[in-house]
């Protein structure tokens, strides 16, 4: 599991469209079990909680995003650009039914 935050520099409706389009490929990527998207109006921030079959699948996905130019696309759109996204990633480990 991983969580990450996005803060877009443009209105939330455009941010939602951008995320919706990008997440089609993410959800189809091998090992992606689920992605939940949360929006915090007060901070204008999206938080994504992603469930991956393995850390290896997630790392492969991140590398694919880098190789296909996601940084070039996101840098002008996000506060902190791609580096801000990467620095916000929290690897949560495996859920325990406690």
C-alpha atoms as a PDB file:
ATOM      1  CA  UNK A   1       0.000   0.000   0.000  1.00  0.00           C
ATOM      2  CA  UNK A   2       1.131   3.534  -0.665  1.00  0.00           C
ATOM      3  CA  UNK A   3      -0.232   7.013  -0.197  1.00  0.00           C
ATOM      4  CA  UNK A   4       0.758  10.171  -2.006  1.00  0.00           C
ATOM      5  CA  UNK A   5      -0.448  13.747  -2.229  1.00  0.00           C
ATOM      6  CA  UNK A   6      -1.050  16.050  -5.173  1.00  0.00           C
ATOM      7  CA  UNK A   7      -1.717  19.764  -4.973  1.00  0.00           C
ATOM      8  CA  UNK A   8      -2.696  21.142  -8.369  1.00  0.00           C
ATOM      9  CA  UNK A   9      -2.026  24.723  -9.426  1.00  0.00           C
ATOM     10  CA  UNK A  10      -5.321  24.950 -11.301  1.00  0.00           C
ATOM     11  CA  UNK A  11      -9.023  24.498 -10.381  1.00  0.00           C
ATOM     12  CA  UNK A  12     -10.223  21.274  -8.822  1.00  0.00           C
ATOM     13  CA  UNK A  13     -12.504  20.351 -11.735  1.00  0.00           C
ATOM     14  CA  UNK A  14      -9.554  20.330 -14.149  1.00  0.00           C
ATOM     15  CA  UNK A  15      -7.475  18.416 -11.614  1.00  0.00           C
ATOM     16  CA  UNK A  16     -10.193  15.775 -11.358  1.00  0.00           C
ATOM     17  CA  UNK A  17     -10.216  15.328 -15.128  1.00  0.00           C
ATOM     18  CA  UNK A  18      -6.428  14.996 -15.242  1.00  0.00           C
ATOM     19  CA  UNK A  19      -6.433  12.415 -12.446  1.00  0.00           C
ATOM     20  CA  UNK A  20      -9.329  10.492 -13.975  1.00  0.00           C
ATOM     21  CA  UNK A  21      -7.460  10.168 -17.272  1.00  0.00           C
ATOM     22  CA  UNK A  22      -4.123   9.246 -15.687  1.00  0.00           C
ATOM     23  CA  UNK A  23      -5.607   6.691 -13.312  1.00  0.00           C
ATOM     24  CA  UNK A  24      -7.043   4.581 -16.147  1.00  0.00           C
ATOM     25  CA  UNK A  25      -3.485   3.483 -16.985  1.00  0.00           C
ATOM     26  CA  UNK A  26      -2.547   3.135 -13.334  1.00  0.00           C
ATOM     27  CA  UNK A  27      -5.506   0.888 -12.542  1.00  0.00           C
ATOM     28  CA  UNK A  28      -4.710  -1.265 -15.594  1.00  0.00           C
ATOM     29  CA  UNK A  29      -1.053  -1.662 -14.599  1.00  0.00           C
ATOM     30  CA  UNK A  30       0.002  -5.145 -13.495  1.00  0.00           C
ATOM     31  CA  UNK A  31      -0.333  -5.518  -9.742  1.00  0.00           C
ATOM     32  CA  UNK A  32      -2.612  -2.550  -9.097  1.00  0.00           C
ATOM     33  CA  UNK A  33      -5.442  -3.823  -6.919  1.00  0.00           C
ATOM     34  CA  UNK A  34      -7.161  -0.499  -6.189  1.00  0.00           C
ATOM     35  CA  UNK A  35      -6.766   3.256  -5.905  1.00  0.00           C
ATOM     36  CA  UNK A  36      -8.907   5.489  -3.707  1.00  0.00           C
ATOM     37  CA  UNK A  37      -8.775   9.245  -4.284  1.00  0.00           C
ATOM     38  CA  UNK A  38      -9.568  11.739  -1.525  1.00  0.00           C
ATOM     39  CA  UNK A  39      -9.878  15.504  -1.871  1.00  0.00           C
ATOM     40  CA  UNK A  40      -9.254  17.903   1.018  1.00  0.00           C
ATOM     41  CA  UNK A  41     -10.929  21.190   0.104  1.00  0.00           C
ATOM     42  CA  UNK A  42      -9.258  23.169   2.881  1.00  0.00           C
ATOM     43  CA  UNK A  43      -5.762  22.446   1.532  1.00  0.00           C
ATOM     44  CA  UNK A  44      -6.722  21.899  -2.134  1.00  0.00           C
ATOM     45  CA  UNK A  45      -4.939  18.563  -1.935  1.00  0.00           C
ATOM     46  CA  UNK A  46      -5.684  15.141  -3.362  1.00  0.00           C
ATOM     47  CA  UNK A  47      -4.488  12.081  -1.480  1.00  0.00           C
ATOM     48  CA  UNK A  48      -4.298   8.763  -3.286  1.00  0.00           C
ATOM     49  CA  UNK A  49      -4.284   5.484  -1.376  1.00  0.00           C
ATOM     50  CA  UNK A  50      -3.013   2.756  -3.666  1.00  0.00           C
ATOM     51  CA  UNK A  51      -3.159  -0.986  -3.057  1.00  0.00           C
ATOM     52  CA  UNK A  52      -0.547  -2.999  -4.982  1.00  0.00           C
ATOM     53  CA  UNK A  53      -0.013  -6.752  -5.111  1.00  0.00           C
ATOM     54  CA  UNK A  54       3.629  -6.227  -4.155  1.00  0.00           C
ATOM     55  CA  UNK A  55       6.194  -3.513  -3.580  1.00  0.00           C
ATOM     56  CA  UNK A  56       7.957  -4.761  -6.709  1.00  0.00           C
ATOM     57  CA  UNK A  57       4.804  -4.084  -8.787  1.00  0.00           C
ATOM     58  CA  UNK A  58       4.593  -0.574  -7.352  1.00  0.00           C
ATOM     59  CA  UNK A  59       8.270   0.182  -7.971  1.00  0.00           C
ATOM     60  CA  UNK A  60       7.936  -1.112 -11.558  1.00  0.00           C
ATOM     61  CA  UNK A  61       4.911   1.138 -12.035  1.00  0.00           C
ATOM     62  CA  UNK A  62       6.744   4.208 -10.705  1.00  0.00           C
ATOM     63  CA  UNK A  63       9.679   3.529 -13.017  1.00  0.00           C
ATOM     64  CA  UNK A  64       7.283   3.146 -15.965  1.00  0.00           C
ATOM     65  CA  UNK A  65       5.724   6.517 -15.123  1.00  0.00           C
ATOM     66  CA  UNK A  66       9.185   8.106 -15.041  1.00  0.00           C
ATOM     67  CA  UNK A  67      10.242   6.435 -18.302  1.00  0.00           C
ATOM     68  CA  UNK A  68       7.086   7.598 -20.085  1.00  0.00           C
ATOM     69  CA  UNK A  69       7.574  11.264 -19.147  1.00  0.00           C
ATOM     70  CA  UNK A  70       5.161  11.823 -16.278  1.00  0.00           C
ATOM     71  CA  UNK A  71       7.506  14.392 -14.724  1.00  0.00           C
ATOM     72  CA  UNK A  72       7.361  16.548 -17.858  1.00  0.00           C
ATOM     73  CA  UNK A  73       3.568  16.440 -17.788  1.00  0.00           C
ATOM     74  CA  UNK A  74       3.093  17.057 -14.051  1.00  0.00           C
ATOM     75  CA  UNK A  75       5.825  19.609 -13.341  1.00  0.00           C
ATOM     76  CA  UNK A  76       3.796  22.607 -14.569  1.00  0.00           C
ATOM     77  CA  UNK A  77       0.530  21.302 -13.096  1.00  0.00           C
ATOM     78  CA  UNK A  78       1.439  20.468  -9.514  1.00  0.00           C
ATOM     79  CA  UNK A  79       2.764  22.442  -6.613  1.00  0.00           C
ATOM     80  CA  UNK A  80       6.233  20.949  -6.213  1.00  0.00           C
ATOM     81  CA  UNK A  81       5.979  19.134  -9.559  1.00  0.00           C
ATOM     82  CA  UNK A  82       6.888  15.460  -9.896  1.00  0.00           C
ATOM     83  CA  UNK A  83       9.541  15.744  -7.181  1.00  0.00           C
ATOM     84  CA  UNK A  84       6.803  16.852  -4.785  1.00  0.00           C
ATOM     85  CA  UNK A  85       4.779  13.766  -5.635  1.00  0.00           C
ATOM     86  CA  UNK A  86       7.735  11.427  -5.167  1.00  0.00           C
ATOM     87  CA  UNK A  87       8.656  13.023  -1.834  1.00  0.00           C
ATOM     88  CA  UNK A  88       5.072  12.549  -0.598  1.00  0.00           C
ATOM     89  CA  UNK A  89       4.984   8.787  -1.293  1.00  0.00           C
ATOM     90  CA  UNK A  90       4.552   6.725   1.865  1.00  0.00           C
ATOM     91  CA  UNK A  91       4.981   2.987   1.541  1.00  0.00           C
ATOM     92  CA  UNK A  92       2.473   1.670   4.050  1.00  0.00           C
ATOM     93  CA  UNK A  93       3.346  -2.000   3.979  1.00  0.00           C
ATOM     94  CA  UNK A  94       0.849  -4.839   4.171  1.00  0.00           C
ATOM     95  CA  UNK A  95      -2.525  -4.296   5.876  1.00  0.00           C
ATOM     96  CA  UNK A  96      -3.134  -6.354   8.990  1.00  0.00           C
ATOM     97  CA  UNK A  97      -6.616  -7.324  10.071  1.00  0.00           C
ATOM     98  CA  UNK A  98      -6.241  -6.170  13.653  1.00  0.00           C
END
